[in-house]
C-alpha cells in the first residue's frame, strides 16, 4: 500500500470525480490509506466513477475522452 501511494504521489495527476487532490489526501494520510487497505482486504472495495476529460489529439483531428480516477482509486 505504501509503495503504491509513493508512486501515485510522484506521478501527481489530476483530480478525480471526488475533487480530492493528493495534497487533500495527505491531510489524513494514515486514515485514508487504512480505509483503502481495509476495503481491499475485506473485498468491499469498489472504485468510484471516473471523471471524463476531453483532451486534444496530438496530430489534430478533434479530441478524445480520458477517464481520471480518484487518488484513492489510483493507489488501490
N, C-alpha and C. Protein backbone atom coordinates (compact mmCIF):
# COMPACT_ATOMS: atom_id res chain seq x y z
N UNK A 1 0.83 -1.18 0.00
CA UNK A 1 0.00 0.00 0.00
C UNK A 1 0.88 1.25 0.00
N UNK A 2 1.92 1.24 0.82
CA UNK A 2 2.80 2.41 0.91
C UNK A 2 3.51 2.66 -0.41
N UNK A 3 4.02 1.60 -1.05
CA UNK A 3 4.72 1.76 -2.33
C UNK A 3 3.78 2.29 -3.41
N UNK A 4 2.54 1.82 -3.41
CA UNK A 4 1.56 2.33 -4.36
C UNK A 4 1.31 3.81 -4.12
N UNK A 5 1.18 4.20 -2.87
CA UNK A 5 0.97 5.61 -2.52
C UNK A 5 2.14 6.46 -3.03
N UNK A 6 3.38 5.98 -2.80
CA UNK A 6 4.55 6.74 -3.23
C UNK A 6 4.58 6.93 -4.74
N UNK A 7 4.18 5.92 -5.49
CA UNK A 7 4.14 6.03 -6.96
C UNK A 7 3.10 7.05 -7.40
N UNK A 8 1.92 7.02 -6.78
CA UNK A 8 0.87 7.98 -7.12
C UNK A 8 1.32 9.38 -6.74
N UNK A 9 1.95 9.52 -5.59
CA UNK A 9 2.42 10.82 -5.12
C UNK A 9 3.45 11.40 -6.10
N UNK A 10 4.36 10.58 -6.58
CA UNK A 10 5.40 11.03 -7.51
C UNK A 10 4.82 11.42 -8.86
N UNK A 11 3.73 10.75 -9.26
CA UNK A 11 3.13 10.98 -10.56
C UNK A 11 2.21 12.19 -10.59
N UNK A 12 1.82 12.68 -9.42
CA UNK A 12 0.88 13.79 -9.27
C UNK A 12 -0.46 13.44 -9.92
N UNK A 13 -0.83 14.05 -10.99
CA UNK A 13 -2.09 13.73 -11.65
C UNK A 13 -3.19 14.71 -11.33
N UNK A 14 -4.28 14.57 -12.04
CA UNK A 14 -5.42 15.48 -11.91
C UNK A 14 -6.41 14.96 -10.88
N UNK A 15 -7.36 15.82 -10.53
CA UNK A 15 -8.40 15.46 -9.59
C UNK A 15 -9.36 14.45 -10.20
N UNK A 16 -9.87 13.58 -9.37
CA UNK A 16 -10.90 12.65 -9.81
C UNK A 16 -12.28 13.24 -9.62
N UNK A 17 -13.29 12.41 -9.73
CA UNK A 17 -14.67 12.86 -9.61
C UNK A 17 -14.98 13.38 -8.19
N UNK A 18 -14.21 12.95 -7.18
CA UNK A 18 -14.45 13.39 -5.81
C UNK A 18 -13.82 14.74 -5.50
N UNK A 19 -12.99 15.26 -6.40
CA UNK A 19 -12.36 16.57 -6.21
C UNK A 19 -11.22 16.57 -5.21
N UNK A 20 -10.75 15.40 -4.79
CA UNK A 20 -9.68 15.28 -3.80
C UNK A 20 -8.33 15.23 -4.49
N UNK A 21 -7.46 16.17 -4.15
CA UNK A 21 -6.10 16.19 -4.71
C UNK A 21 -5.19 15.34 -3.82
N UNK A 22 -3.97 15.11 -4.27
CA UNK A 22 -3.02 14.35 -3.46
C UNK A 22 -2.71 15.12 -2.17
N UNK A 23 -2.72 16.44 -2.22
CA UNK A 23 -2.48 17.25 -1.02
C UNK A 23 -3.63 17.07 -0.03
N UNK A 24 -4.86 17.04 -0.53
CA UNK A 24 -6.01 16.79 0.34
C UNK A 24 -5.94 15.40 0.96
N UNK A 25 -5.55 14.43 0.16
CA UNK A 25 -5.42 13.04 0.63
C UNK A 25 -4.37 12.95 1.73
N UNK A 26 -3.28 13.71 1.58
CA UNK A 26 -2.19 13.69 2.56
C UNK A 26 -2.59 14.25 3.92
N UNK A 27 -3.60 15.09 3.97
CA UNK A 27 -4.00 15.71 5.24
C UNK A 27 -4.44 14.67 6.27
N UNK A 28 -4.98 13.56 5.81
CA UNK A 28 -5.38 12.46 6.71
C UNK A 28 -4.83 11.15 6.13
N UNK A 29 -3.55 11.17 5.80
CA UNK A 29 -2.91 10.08 5.07
C UNK A 29 -3.10 8.72 5.72
N UNK A 30 -2.79 8.62 6.99
CA UNK A 30 -2.85 7.33 7.68
C UNK A 30 -4.26 6.74 7.61
N UNK A 31 -5.25 7.54 7.90
CA UNK A 31 -6.63 7.07 7.88
C UNK A 31 -7.09 6.73 6.46
N UNK A 32 -6.71 7.56 5.49
CA UNK A 32 -7.10 7.30 4.10
C UNK A 32 -6.49 6.01 3.57
N UNK A 33 -5.21 5.77 3.87
CA UNK A 33 -4.57 4.53 3.44
C UNK A 33 -5.19 3.32 4.13
N UNK A 34 -5.51 3.49 5.42
CA UNK A 34 -6.14 2.39 6.16
C UNK A 34 -7.49 2.03 5.56
N UNK A 35 -8.28 3.04 5.21
CA UNK A 35 -9.60 2.78 4.61
C UNK A 35 -9.47 1.98 3.32
N UNK A 36 -8.52 2.36 2.47
CA UNK A 36 -8.32 1.64 1.20
C UNK A 36 -7.90 0.20 1.49
N UNK A 37 -6.90 0.04 2.37
CA UNK A 37 -6.41 -1.30 2.71
C UNK A 37 -7.53 -2.16 3.29
N UNK A 38 -8.30 -1.60 4.21
CA UNK A 38 -9.37 -2.35 4.86
C UNK A 38 -10.42 -2.80 3.86
N UNK A 39 -10.83 -1.92 2.98
CA UNK A 39 -11.84 -2.28 1.98
C UNK A 39 -11.30 -3.31 0.98
N UNK A 40 -10.05 -3.15 0.57
CA UNK A 40 -9.47 -4.11 -0.37
C UNK A 40 -9.31 -5.49 0.28
N UNK A 41 -8.85 -5.52 1.53
CA UNK A 41 -8.62 -6.82 2.19
C UNK A 41 -9.93 -7.52 2.53
N UNK A 42 -11.00 -6.77 2.72
CA UNK A 42 -12.29 -7.39 3.03
C UNK A 42 -13.09 -7.71 1.77
N UNK A 43 -12.62 -7.24 0.63
CA UNK A 43 -13.32 -7.49 -0.63
C UNK A 43 -14.46 -6.54 -0.89
N UNK A 44 -14.53 -5.44 -0.11
CA UNK A 44 -15.63 -4.50 -0.29
C UNK A 44 -15.21 -3.22 -1.02
N UNK A 45 -14.02 -3.22 -1.63
CA UNK A 45 -13.58 -2.03 -2.37
C UNK A 45 -14.17 -2.04 -3.77
N UNK A 46 -14.87 -0.98 -4.09
CA UNK A 46 -15.40 -0.80 -5.44
C UNK A 46 -15.00 0.61 -5.88
N UNK A 47 -14.34 0.74 -7.02
CA UNK A 47 -13.89 2.06 -7.45
C UNK A 47 -15.06 2.97 -7.80
N UNK A 48 -14.92 4.25 -7.48
CA UNK A 48 -15.96 5.21 -7.85
C UNK A 48 -15.89 5.50 -9.35
N UNK A 49 -16.88 6.19 -9.89
CA UNK A 49 -16.84 6.56 -11.31
C UNK A 49 -15.61 7.44 -11.59
N UNK A 50 -15.19 7.45 -12.83
CA UNK A 50 -14.07 8.31 -13.23
C UNK A 50 -14.61 9.61 -13.80
N UNK A 51 -13.79 10.65 -13.73
CA UNK A 51 -14.17 11.95 -14.30
C UNK A 51 -13.71 11.98 -15.74
N UNK A 52 -14.60 12.29 -16.65
CA UNK A 52 -14.27 12.33 -18.08
C UNK A 52 -13.72 13.70 -18.44
N UNK A 53 -12.57 13.69 -19.12
CA UNK A 53 -11.92 14.93 -19.55
C UNK A 53 -11.61 14.80 -21.04
N UNK A 54 -11.97 15.81 -21.80
CA UNK A 54 -11.68 15.83 -23.23
C UNK A 54 -10.29 16.42 -23.43
N UNK A 55 -9.42 15.69 -24.14
CA UNK A 55 -8.08 16.21 -24.44
C UNK A 55 -7.88 16.19 -25.95
N UNK A 56 -7.12 17.16 -26.47
CA UNK A 56 -6.89 17.19 -27.92
C UNK A 56 -5.97 16.06 -28.35
N UNK A 57 -6.23 15.56 -29.54
CA UNK A 57 -5.35 14.54 -30.11
C UNK A 57 -4.05 15.20 -30.55
N UNK A 58 -2.95 14.48 -30.51
CA UNK A 58 -1.63 15.03 -30.83
C UNK A 58 -1.54 15.58 -32.25
N UNK A 59 -2.07 14.84 -33.17
CA UNK A 59 -1.92 15.22 -34.57
C UNK A 59 -3.20 15.81 -35.15
N UNK A 60 -3.90 16.56 -34.33
CA UNK A 60 -5.13 17.19 -34.78
C UNK A 60 -6.27 16.19 -34.88
N UNK A 61 -7.35 16.60 -35.44
CA UNK A 61 -8.46 15.69 -35.65
C UNK A 61 -9.38 15.55 -34.46
N UNK A 62 -9.52 16.59 -33.66
CA UNK A 62 -10.50 16.54 -32.60
C UNK A 62 -9.93 16.22 -31.23
N UNK A 63 -10.78 15.62 -30.42
CA UNK A 63 -10.39 15.31 -29.05
C UNK A 63 -10.69 13.85 -28.74
N UNK A 64 -10.17 13.40 -27.61
CA UNK A 64 -10.51 12.08 -27.13
C UNK A 64 -10.84 12.19 -25.65
N UNK A 65 -11.62 11.27 -25.15
CA UNK A 65 -12.03 11.29 -23.75
C UNK A 65 -11.05 10.48 -22.91
N UNK A 66 -10.62 11.08 -21.82
CA UNK A 66 -9.71 10.43 -20.90
C UNK A 66 -10.40 10.34 -19.54
N UNK A 67 -10.40 9.16 -18.93
CA UNK A 67 -11.00 8.98 -17.61
C UNK A 67 -10.01 9.26 -16.50
N UNK A 68 -10.37 10.12 -15.56
CA UNK A 68 -9.49 10.50 -14.45
C UNK A 68 -9.98 9.83 -13.17
N UNK A 69 -9.29 8.79 -12.69
CA UNK A 69 -9.70 8.14 -11.45
C UNK A 69 -9.36 9.00 -10.23
N UNK A 70 -9.95 8.69 -9.09
CA UNK A 70 -9.65 9.40 -7.85
C UNK A 70 -8.26 9.00 -7.36
N UNK A 71 -7.71 9.78 -6.43
CA UNK A 71 -6.41 9.45 -5.84
C UNK A 71 -6.48 8.09 -5.17
N UNK A 72 -7.53 7.85 -4.40
CA UNK A 72 -7.67 6.57 -3.70
C UNK A 72 -7.74 5.41 -4.68
N UNK A 73 -8.42 5.59 -5.79
CA UNK A 73 -8.54 4.53 -6.80
C UNK A 73 -7.19 4.26 -7.46
N UNK A 74 -6.41 5.30 -7.71
CA UNK A 74 -5.08 5.10 -8.30
C UNK A 74 -4.18 4.34 -7.34
N UNK A 75 -4.28 4.60 -6.04
CA UNK A 75 -3.49 3.87 -5.05
C UNK A 75 -3.92 2.41 -5.00
N UNK A 76 -5.23 2.19 -5.00
CA UNK A 76 -5.77 0.82 -4.94
C UNK A 76 -5.36 0.06 -6.18
